[in-house]
Amino acid sequence: MSSIPRADLSRLSLMYHEHLPWLRGWLNSRVGCRERAADLAQDTFVRLLKNRSSALIQEPRAYLSSVARGLVIDHYRRRALEEAYLQSLAHIPEREIPSDEERLIILDTLERLDRLLDQLAPRVREAFLLAQLDGLTCPQIATQLGVSTSTIERDLAKALAACYRLRYNDE
């Protein structure tokens, strides 16, 4: 935090005090939970602090709502992943159900993978999912997607490189 200029910290502090109640209300109307809205409001300001661009913000509420909207989308996306995961747990024997710690690790991994897949080009994502989830070979995927096998090989290489970066750059 010491690398952030004092003037930027002052602007951010002023913005925080002036707009936090409004932002909490705005978020509460979207998530329907005061505690979750408070958490998302804090996350919004943390993101702003990390971005270090508070000096450039002309319309604080528009900017804050834009950042918060992305966090709300992430919240609902994570909740959908959690629901899908919990539904999948209902189909396995109780003795094989992961511990709470393992569940958090699995959910975090699923969330990171979901964000990664969302960043891939549509054909790359589809080829990767067909290979990983359906077990199709490159020629089978190429036929299904109507492209050459070499194109699918390149697409899969891109997807795997993204997975590698996710795995080894986040540590």
C-alpha atoms as a PDB file:
ATOM      1  CA  MET A   1       0.000   0.000   0.000  1.00  0.00           C
ATOM      2  CA  SER A   2       2.941   2.312   0.541  1.00  0.00           C
ATOM      3  CA  SER A   3       3.513   2.413  -3.226  1.00  0.00           C
ATOM      4  CA  ILE A   4       0.134   4.110  -3.741  1.00  0.00           C
ATOM      5  CA  PRO A   5       0.471   7.903  -3.759  1.00  0.00           C
ATOM      6  CA  ARG A   6      -1.042   9.620  -0.749  1.00  0.00           C
ATOM      7  CA  ALA A   7      -3.314  11.756  -2.971  1.00  0.00           C
ATOM      8  CA  ASP A   8      -4.803   8.592  -4.529  1.00  0.00           C
ATOM      9  CA  LEU A   9      -5.393   7.091  -1.097  1.00  0.00           C
ATOM     10  CA  SER A  10      -7.119  10.288  -0.002  1.00  0.00           C
ATOM     11  CA  ARG A  11      -9.385  10.277  -3.072  1.00  0.00           C
ATOM     12  CA  LEU A  12     -10.180   6.613  -2.544  1.00  0.00           C
ATOM     13  CA  SER A  13     -10.932   7.176   1.136  1.00  0.00           C
ATOM     14  CA  LEU A  14     -13.262  10.052   0.285  1.00  0.00           C
ATOM     15  CA  MET A  15     -14.982   7.971  -2.391  1.00  0.00           C
ATOM     16  CA  TYR A  16     -15.325   5.109   0.078  1.00  0.00           C
ATOM     17  CA  HIS A  17     -17.008   7.253   2.731  1.00  0.00           C
ATOM     18  CA  GLU A  18     -19.233   9.103   0.269  1.00  0.00           C
ATOM     19  CA  HIS A  19     -20.419   6.134  -1.791  1.00  0.00           C
ATOM     20  CA  LEU A  20     -20.226   3.021   0.395  1.00  0.00           C
ATOM     21  CA  PRO A  21     -23.796   3.271   1.769  1.00  0.00           C
ATOM     22  CA  TRP A  22     -25.178   3.820  -1.730  1.00  0.00           C
ATOM     23  CA  LEU A  23     -23.123   0.907  -3.129  1.00  0.00           C
ATOM     24  CA  ARG A  24     -24.279  -1.446  -0.383  1.00  0.00           C
ATOM     25  CA  GLY A  25     -27.899  -0.570  -1.154  1.00  0.00           C
ATOM     26  CA  TRP A  26     -27.344  -0.965  -4.880  1.00  0.00           C
ATOM     27  CA  LEU A  27     -25.748  -4.365  -4.346  1.00  0.00           C
ATOM     28  CA  ASN A  28     -28.379  -5.458  -1.836  1.00  0.00           C
ATOM     29  CA  SER A  29     -31.080  -4.836  -4.430  1.00  0.00           C
ATOM     30  CA  ARG A  30     -29.239  -7.229  -6.762  1.00  0.00           C
ATOM     31  CA  VAL A  31     -28.186 -10.032  -4.416  1.00  0.00           C
ATOM     32  CA  GLY A  32     -30.958  -9.806  -1.811  1.00  0.00           C
ATOM     33  CA  CYS A  33     -28.627 -10.279   1.143  1.00  0.00           C
ATOM     34  CA  ARG A  34     -27.239  -7.404   3.204  1.00  0.00           C
ATOM     35  CA  GLU A  35     -24.185  -9.348   4.361  1.00  0.00           C
ATOM     36  CA  ARG A  36     -23.298 -10.473   0.823  1.00  0.00           C
ATOM     37  CA  ALA A  37     -23.872  -6.923  -0.430  1.00  0.00           C
ATOM     38  CA  ALA A  38     -21.489  -5.603   2.237  1.00  0.00           C
ATOM     39  CA  ASP A  39     -18.858  -8.171   1.210  1.00  0.00           C
ATOM     40  CA  LEU A  40     -19.229  -7.291  -2.463  1.00  0.00           C
ATOM     41  CA  ALA A  41     -18.993  -3.569  -1.670  1.00  0.00           C
ATOM     42  CA  GLN A  42     -15.719  -4.182   0.165  1.00  0.00           C
ATOM     43  CA  ASP A  43     -14.478  -6.309  -2.741  1.00  0.00           C
ATOM     44  CA  THR A  44     -15.360  -3.465  -5.114  1.00  0.00           C
ATOM     45  CA  PHE A  45     -13.170  -1.031  -3.216  1.00  0.00           C
ATOM     46  CA  VAL A  46     -10.372  -3.590  -2.900  1.00  0.00           C
ATOM     47  CA  ARG A  47     -10.443  -3.995  -6.671  1.00  0.00           C
ATOM     48  CA  LEU A  48     -10.372  -0.222  -7.043  1.00  0.00           C
ATOM     49  CA  LEU A  49      -7.404  -0.042  -4.680  1.00  0.00           C
ATOM     50  CA  LYS A  50      -5.568  -2.709  -6.693  1.00  0.00           C
ATOM     51  CA  ASN A  51      -6.378  -0.910  -9.939  1.00  0.00           C
ATOM     52  CA  ARG A  52      -4.871   2.333  -8.602  1.00  0.00           C
ATOM     53  CA  SER A  53      -6.799   4.514 -11.009  1.00  0.00           C
ATOM     54  CA  SER A  54      -9.006   6.444  -8.590  1.00  0.00           C
ATOM     55  CA  ALA A  55      -7.515   9.725  -9.803  1.00  0.00           C
ATOM     56  CA  LEU A  56      -9.055   9.158 -13.254  1.00  0.00           C
ATOM     57  CA  ILE A  57     -12.612   8.434 -12.090  1.00  0.00           C
ATOM     58  CA  GLN A  58     -14.992  11.194 -13.129  1.00  0.00           C
ATOM     59  CA  GLU A  59     -18.268   9.429 -12.294  1.00  0.00           C
ATOM     60  CA  PRO A  60     -17.692   7.398  -9.111  1.00  0.00           C
ATOM     61  CA  ARG A  61     -21.113   5.746  -8.942  1.00  0.00           C
ATOM     62  CA  ALA A  62     -21.030   4.663 -12.569  1.00  0.00           C
ATOM     63  CA  TYR A  63     -17.537   3.269 -12.096  1.00  0.00           C
ATOM     64  CA  LEU A  64     -18.345   1.554  -8.799  1.00  0.00           C
ATOM     65  CA  SER A  65     -21.524   0.013 -10.174  1.00  0.00           C
ATOM     66  CA  SER A  66     -19.606  -1.268 -13.211  1.00  0.00           C
ATOM     67  CA  VAL A  67     -16.967  -2.952 -11.037  1.00  0.00           C
ATOM     68  CA  ALA A  68     -19.614  -4.246  -8.628  1.00  0.00           C
ATOM     69  CA  ARG A  69     -21.718  -5.614 -11.499  1.00  0.00           C
ATOM     70  CA  GLY A  70     -18.783  -7.804 -12.529  1.00  0.00           C
ATOM     71  CA  LEU A  71     -18.433  -9.016  -8.948  1.00  0.00           C
ATOM     72  CA  VAL A  72     -22.157  -9.825  -8.804  1.00  0.00           C
ATOM     73  CA  ILE A  73     -21.827 -11.845 -12.011  1.00  0.00           C
ATOM     74  CA  ASP A  74     -18.880 -13.687 -10.467  1.00  0.00           C
ATOM     75  CA  HIS A  75     -20.971 -14.297  -7.324  1.00  0.00           C
ATOM     76  CA  TYR A  76     -23.863 -15.842  -9.257  1.00  0.00           C
ATOM     77  CA  ARG A  77     -21.501 -17.829 -11.432  1.00  0.00           C
ATOM     78  CA  ARG A  78     -19.797 -19.254  -8.344  1.00  0.00           C
ATOM     79  CA  ARG A  79     -23.168 -20.034  -6.782  1.00  0.00           C
ATOM     80  CA  ALA A  80     -24.233 -21.917  -9.917  1.00  0.00           C
ATOM     81  CA  LEU A  81     -20.990 -23.898  -9.842  1.00  0.00           C
ATOM     82  CA  GLU A  82     -21.519 -24.703  -6.166  1.00  0.00           C
ATOM     83  CA  GLU A  83     -25.064 -25.893  -6.862  1.00  0.00           C
ATOM     84  CA  ALA A  84     -23.922 -28.115  -9.723  1.00  0.00           C
ATOM     85  CA  TYR A  85     -21.146 -29.501  -7.551  1.00  0.00           C
ATOM     86  CA  LEU A  86     -23.503 -30.212  -4.652  1.00  0.00           C
ATOM     87  CA  GLN A  87     -25.918 -31.951  -7.012  1.00  0.00           C
ATOM     88  CA  SER A  88     -23.081 -34.146  -8.274  1.00  0.00           C
ATOM     89  CA  LEU A  89     -22.204 -35.067  -4.676  1.00  0.00           C
ATOM     90  CA  ALA A  90     -25.706 -36.456  -4.217  1.00  0.00           C
ATOM     91  CA  HIS A  91     -24.827 -39.226  -6.676  1.00  0.00           C
ATOM     92  CA  ILE A  92     -21.746 -40.599  -4.939  1.00  0.00           C
ATOM     93  CA  PRO A  93     -21.494 -42.835  -1.878  1.00  0.00           C
ATOM     94  CA  GLU A  94     -21.284 -40.966   1.421  1.00  0.00           C
ATOM     95  CA  ARG A  95     -17.873 -42.436   2.283  1.00  0.00           C
ATOM     96  CA  GLU A  96     -16.421 -40.844  -0.893  1.00  0.00           C
ATOM     97  CA  ILE A  97     -17.751 -37.341  -0.240  1.00  0.00           C
ATOM     98  CA  PRO A  98     -14.838 -34.898   0.076  1.00  0.00           C
ATOM     99  CA  SER A  99     -14.133 -33.045   3.322  1.00  0.00           C
ATOM    100  CA  ASP A 100     -15.115 -29.376   3.660  1.00  0.00           C
ATOM    101  CA  GLU A 101     -11.526 -28.345   2.943  1.00  0.00           C
ATOM    102  CA  GLU A 102     -11.398 -30.519  -0.174  1.00  0.00           C
ATOM    103  CA  ARG A 103     -14.745 -29.076  -1.292  1.00  0.00           C
ATOM    104  CA  LEU A 104     -13.403 -25.523  -1.050  1.00  0.00           C
ATOM    105  CA  ILE A 105     -10.349 -26.482  -3.077  1.00  0.00           C
ATOM    106  CA  ILE A 106     -12.511 -28.212  -5.692  1.00  0.00           C
ATOM    107  CA  LEU A 107     -14.923 -25.261  -5.908  1.00  0.00           C
ATOM    108  CA  ASP A 108     -12.045 -22.791  -6.224  1.00  0.00           C
ATOM    109  CA  THR A 109     -10.528 -24.917  -8.992  1.00  0.00           C
ATOM    110  CA  LEU A 110     -13.877 -25.151 -10.786  1.00  0.00           C
ATOM    111  CA  GLU A 111     -14.318 -21.390 -10.564  1.00  0.00           C
ATOM    112  CA  ARG A 112     -10.843 -20.756 -11.958  1.00  0.00           C
ATOM    113  CA  LEU A 113     -11.448 -23.248 -14.770  1.00  0.00           C
ATOM    114  CA  ASP A 114     -14.783 -21.621 -15.555  1.00  0.00           C
ATOM    115  CA  ARG A 115     -13.103 -18.222 -15.868  1.00  0.00           C
ATOM    116  CA  LEU A 116     -10.375 -19.758 -18.032  1.00  0.00           C
ATOM    117  CA  LEU A 117     -12.888 -21.448 -20.335  1.00  0.00           C
ATOM    118  CA  ASP A 118     -14.833 -18.219 -20.632  1.00  0.00           C
ATOM    119  CA  GLN A 119     -11.684 -16.481 -21.920  1.00  0.00           C
ATOM    120  CA  LEU A 120     -11.045 -19.036 -24.660  1.00  0.00           C
ATOM    121  CA  ALA A 121     -12.316 -18.539 -28.196  1.00  0.00           C
ATOM    122  CA  PRO A 122     -15.593 -20.459 -28.667  1.00  0.00           C
ATOM    123  CA  ARG A 123     -14.154 -23.132 -30.993  1.00  0.00           C
ATOM    124  CA  VAL A 124     -11.109 -23.629 -28.744  1.00  0.00           C
ATOM    125  CA  ARG A 125     -13.386 -24.017 -25.718  1.00  0.00           C
ATOM    126  CA  GLU A 126     -15.681 -26.447 -27.535  1.00  0.00           C
ATOM    127  CA  ALA A 127     -12.776 -28.548 -28.816  1.00  0.00           C
ATOM    128  CA  PHE A 128     -11.264 -28.680 -25.339  1.00  0.00           C
ATOM    129  CA  LEU A 129     -14.547 -29.742 -23.731  1.00  0.00           C
ATOM    130  CA  LEU A 130     -15.187 -32.369 -26.411  1.00  0.00           C
ATOM    131  CA  ALA A 131     -11.731 -33.814 -25.802  1.00  0.00           C
ATOM    132  CA  GLN A 132     -11.777 -33.641 -22.009  1.00  0.00           C
ATOM    133  CA  LEU A 133     -15.413 -34.416 -21.194  1.00  0.00           C
ATOM    134  CA  ASP A 134     -16.507 -36.570 -24.119  1.00  0.00           C
ATOM    135  CA  GLY A 135     -13.147 -38.203 -24.781  1.00  0.00           C
ATOM    136  CA  LEU A 136     -13.235 -37.477 -28.504  1.00  0.00           C
ATOM    137  CA  THR A 137     -10.056 -37.701 -30.565  1.00  0.00           C
ATOM    138  CA  CYS A 138      -8.751 -34.815 -32.667  1.00  0.00           C
ATOM    139  CA  PRO A 139     -10.108 -36.302 -35.927  1.00  0.00           C
ATOM    140  CA  GLN A 140     -13.527 -36.856 -34.312  1.00  0.00           C
ATOM    141  CA  ILE A 141     -13.618 -33.280 -33.007  1.00  0.00           C
ATOM    142  CA  ALA A 142     -12.482 -31.953 -36.390  1.00  0.00           C
ATOM    143  CA  THR A 143     -15.312 -33.816 -38.116  1.00  0.00           C
ATOM    144  CA  GLN A 144     -17.871 -32.629 -35.585  1.00  0.00           C
ATOM    145  CA  LEU A 145     -16.747 -28.982 -35.830  1.00  0.00           C
ATOM    146  CA  GLY A 146     -16.138 -29.049 -39.572  1.00  0.00           C
ATOM    147  CA  VAL A 147     -12.477 -28.021 -39.485  1.00  0.00           C
ATOM    148  CA  SER A 148      -9.168 -29.750 -40.128  1.00  0.00           C
ATOM    149  CA  THR A 149      -7.485 -32.013 -37.615  1.00  0.00           C
ATOM    150  CA  SER A 150      -4.463 -29.698 -37.525  1.00  0.00           C
ATOM    151  CA  THR A 151      -6.767 -26.799 -36.582  1.00  0.00           C
ATOM    152  CA  ILE A 152      -8.143 -28.836 -33.670  1.00  0.00           C
ATOM    153  CA  GLU A 153      -4.620 -29.779 -32.600  1.00  0.00           C
ATOM    154  CA  ARG A 154      -3.694 -26.076 -32.523  1.00  0.00           C
ATOM    155  CA  ASP A 155      -6.912 -25.268 -30.632  1.00  0.00           C
ATOM    156  CA  LEU A 156      -6.222 -27.952 -28.041  1.00  0.00           C
ATOM    157  CA  ALA A 157      -2.642 -26.739 -27.679  1.00  0.00           C
ATOM    158  CA  LYS A 158      -3.985 -23.229 -26.936  1.00  0.00           C
ATOM    159  CA  ALA A 159      -6.433 -24.573 -24.377  1.00  0.00           C
ATOM    160  CA  LEU A 160      -3.803 -26.724 -22.688  1.00  0.00           C
ATOM    161  CA  ALA A 161      -1.357 -23.811 -22.621  1.00  0.00           C
ATOM    162  CA  ALA A 162      -4.041 -21.721 -20.896  1.00  0.00           C
ATOM    163  CA  CYS A 163      -4.575 -24.531 -18.360  1.00  0.00           C
ATOM    164  CA  TYR A 164      -0.831 -24.712 -17.781  1.00  0.00           C
ATOM    165  CA  ARG A 165      -0.670 -20.955 -17.177  1.00  0.00           C
ATOM    166  CA  LEU A 166      -3.606 -21.204 -14.797  1.00  0.00           C
ATOM    167  CA  ARG A 167      -1.890 -23.989 -12.880  1.00  0.00           C
ATOM    168  CA  TYR A 168       1.637 -22.606 -12.688  1.00  0.00           C
ATOM    169  CA  ASN A 169       1.191 -18.820 -12.829  1.00  0.00           C
ATOM    170  CA  ASP A 170      -1.295 -18.666  -9.940  1.00  0.00           C
ATOM    171  CA  GLU A 171       1.060 -20.212  -7.385  1.00  0.00           C
END
